[in-house]
C-alpha atoms as a PDB file:
ATOM      1  CA  UNK A   1       0.000   0.000   0.000  1.00  0.00           C
ATOM      2  CA  UNK A   2       1.241   3.453  -0.852  1.00  0.00           C
ATOM      3  CA  UNK A   3      -1.126   5.622   1.150  1.00  0.00           C
ATOM      4  CA  UNK A   4      -0.016   9.170   1.858  1.00  0.00           C
ATOM      5  CA  UNK A   5      -1.514  12.120   3.631  1.00  0.00           C
ATOM      6  CA  UNK A   6      -0.929  15.481   5.195  1.00  0.00           C
ATOM      7  CA  UNK A   7      -2.810  17.852   7.468  1.00  0.00           C
ATOM      8  CA  UNK A   8      -2.610  21.592   6.821  1.00  0.00           C
ATOM      9  CA  UNK A   9      -3.682  24.482   9.021  1.00  0.00           C
ATOM     10  CA  UNK A  10      -5.998  26.871   7.176  1.00  0.00           C
ATOM     11  CA  UNK A  11      -5.448  30.438   8.374  1.00  0.00           C
ATOM     12  CA  UNK A  12      -7.770  33.391   7.763  1.00  0.00           C
ATOM     13  CA  UNK A  13      -6.481  36.683   6.376  1.00  0.00           C
ATOM     14  CA  UNK A  14      -7.212  38.313   9.724  1.00  0.00           C
ATOM     15  CA  UNK A  15      -5.309  36.207  12.244  1.00  0.00           C
ATOM     16  CA  UNK A  16      -7.635  37.402  15.026  1.00  0.00           C
ATOM     17  CA  UNK A  17     -10.660  35.670  13.396  1.00  0.00           C
ATOM     18  CA  UNK A  18     -10.213  32.558  15.507  1.00  0.00           C
ATOM     19  CA  UNK A  19     -13.464  30.968  14.290  1.00  0.00           C
ATOM     20  CA  UNK A  20     -12.146  31.051  10.695  1.00  0.00           C
ATOM     21  CA  UNK A  21      -9.194  28.717  11.356  1.00  0.00           C
ATOM     22  CA  UNK A  22      -9.515  25.133  10.181  1.00  0.00           C
ATOM     23  CA  UNK A  23      -7.670  22.050   9.052  1.00  0.00           C
ATOM     24  CA  UNK A  24      -7.469  20.502   5.611  1.00  0.00           C
ATOM     25  CA  UNK A  25      -6.670  16.816   5.256  1.00  0.00           C
ATOM     26  CA  UNK A  26      -5.091  15.786   1.938  1.00  0.00           C
ATOM     27  CA  UNK A  27      -4.820  12.104   1.025  1.00  0.00           C
ATOM     28  CA  UNK A  28      -3.742   9.787  -1.790  1.00  0.00           C
ATOM     29  CA  UNK A  29      -4.751   6.123  -1.737  1.00  0.00           C
ATOM     30  CA  UNK A  30      -2.951   5.000  -4.887  1.00  0.00           C
ATOM     31  CA  UNK A  31       0.703   5.153  -5.906  1.00  0.00           C
ATOM     32  CA  UNK A  32       0.007   7.186  -9.050  1.00  0.00           C
ATOM     33  CA  UNK A  33      -2.439   9.576  -7.392  1.00  0.00           C
ATOM     34  CA  UNK A  34      -1.529  13.074  -6.207  1.00  0.00           C
ATOM     35  CA  UNK A  35      -2.594  14.334  -2.785  1.00  0.00           C
ATOM     36  CA  UNK A  36      -6.155  15.662  -2.859  1.00  0.00           C
ATOM     37  CA  UNK A  37      -8.251  17.393  -0.256  1.00  0.00           C
ATOM     38  CA  UNK A  38     -10.472  14.984   1.671  1.00  0.00           C
ATOM     39  CA  UNK A  39     -14.071  15.705   0.651  1.00  0.00           C
ATOM     40  CA  UNK A  40     -17.323  13.948  -0.175  1.00  0.00           C
ATOM     41  CA  UNK A  41     -16.870  14.163  -3.964  1.00  0.00           C
ATOM     42  CA  UNK A  42     -13.315  12.877  -4.516  1.00  0.00           C
ATOM     43  CA  UNK A  43     -12.954   9.870  -2.196  1.00  0.00           C
ATOM     44  CA  UNK A  44     -15.300   6.980  -1.518  1.00  0.00           C
ATOM     45  CA  UNK A  45     -17.058   6.640   1.819  1.00  0.00           C
ATOM     46  CA  UNK A  46     -14.614   3.937   2.872  1.00  0.00           C
ATOM     47  CA  UNK A  47     -11.603   6.077   1.969  1.00  0.00           C
ATOM     48  CA  UNK A  48     -13.009   9.002   3.952  1.00  0.00           C
ATOM     49  CA  UNK A  49     -13.650   6.728   6.939  1.00  0.00           C
ATOM     50  CA  UNK A  50     -10.112   5.311   6.849  1.00  0.00           C
ATOM     51  CA  UNK A  51      -8.563   8.789   6.569  1.00  0.00           C
ATOM     52  CA  UNK A  52     -10.695  10.142   9.414  1.00  0.00           C
ATOM     53  CA  UNK A  53      -9.906   7.238  11.728  1.00  0.00           C
ATOM     54  CA  UNK A  54      -6.164   7.410  10.972  1.00  0.00           C
ATOM     55  CA  UNK A  55      -6.212  11.143  11.714  1.00  0.00           C
ATOM     56  CA  UNK A  56      -7.982  10.539  15.032  1.00  0.00           C
ATOM     57  CA  UNK A  57      -5.542   7.765  15.947  1.00  0.00           C
ATOM     58  CA  UNK A  58      -2.625  10.090  15.233  1.00  0.00           C
ATOM     59  CA  UNK A  59      -4.092  12.625  17.670  1.00  0.00           C
ATOM     60  CA  UNK A  60      -4.326  10.014  20.419  1.00  0.00           C
ATOM     61  CA  UNK A  61      -0.600  10.264  21.169  1.00  0.00           C
ATOM     62  CA  UNK A  62      -0.865  14.040  21.637  1.00  0.00           C
ATOM     63  CA  UNK A  63      -4.155  14.141  23.511  1.00  0.00           C
ATOM     64  CA  UNK A  64      -5.197  10.809  25.057  1.00  0.00           C
ATOM     65  CA  UNK A  65      -8.929  10.546  25.731  1.00  0.00           C
ATOM     66  CA  UNK A  66     -11.068   7.444  26.314  1.00  0.00           C
ATOM     67  CA  UNK A  67     -13.284   8.067  23.248  1.00  0.00           C
ATOM     68  CA  UNK A  68     -13.882  10.507  20.387  1.00  0.00           C
ATOM     69  CA  UNK A  69     -17.021  11.524  18.490  1.00  0.00           C
ATOM     70  CA  UNK A  70     -17.141  11.984  14.721  1.00  0.00           C
ATOM     71  CA  UNK A  71     -19.782  13.873  12.744  1.00  0.00           C
ATOM     72  CA  UNK A  72     -19.722  13.382   8.961  1.00  0.00           C
ATOM     73  CA  UNK A  73     -21.057  16.854   8.276  1.00  0.00           C
END
């Protein structure tokens, strides 16, 4: 498997607009594929689920909690 991914911080023009900050997850599930933003049009439901769960697992080392909630909004 040649899965790749990255997480980018999205910053607003006005750095004081705290509610405008976000994250963008980019993934590639095939060797010949370029990194693409994780969204509901590009990846399958299974690919989105795998990417979301791997992201949450990577956070576990930084912020251990007994459970996490996910909303597919």
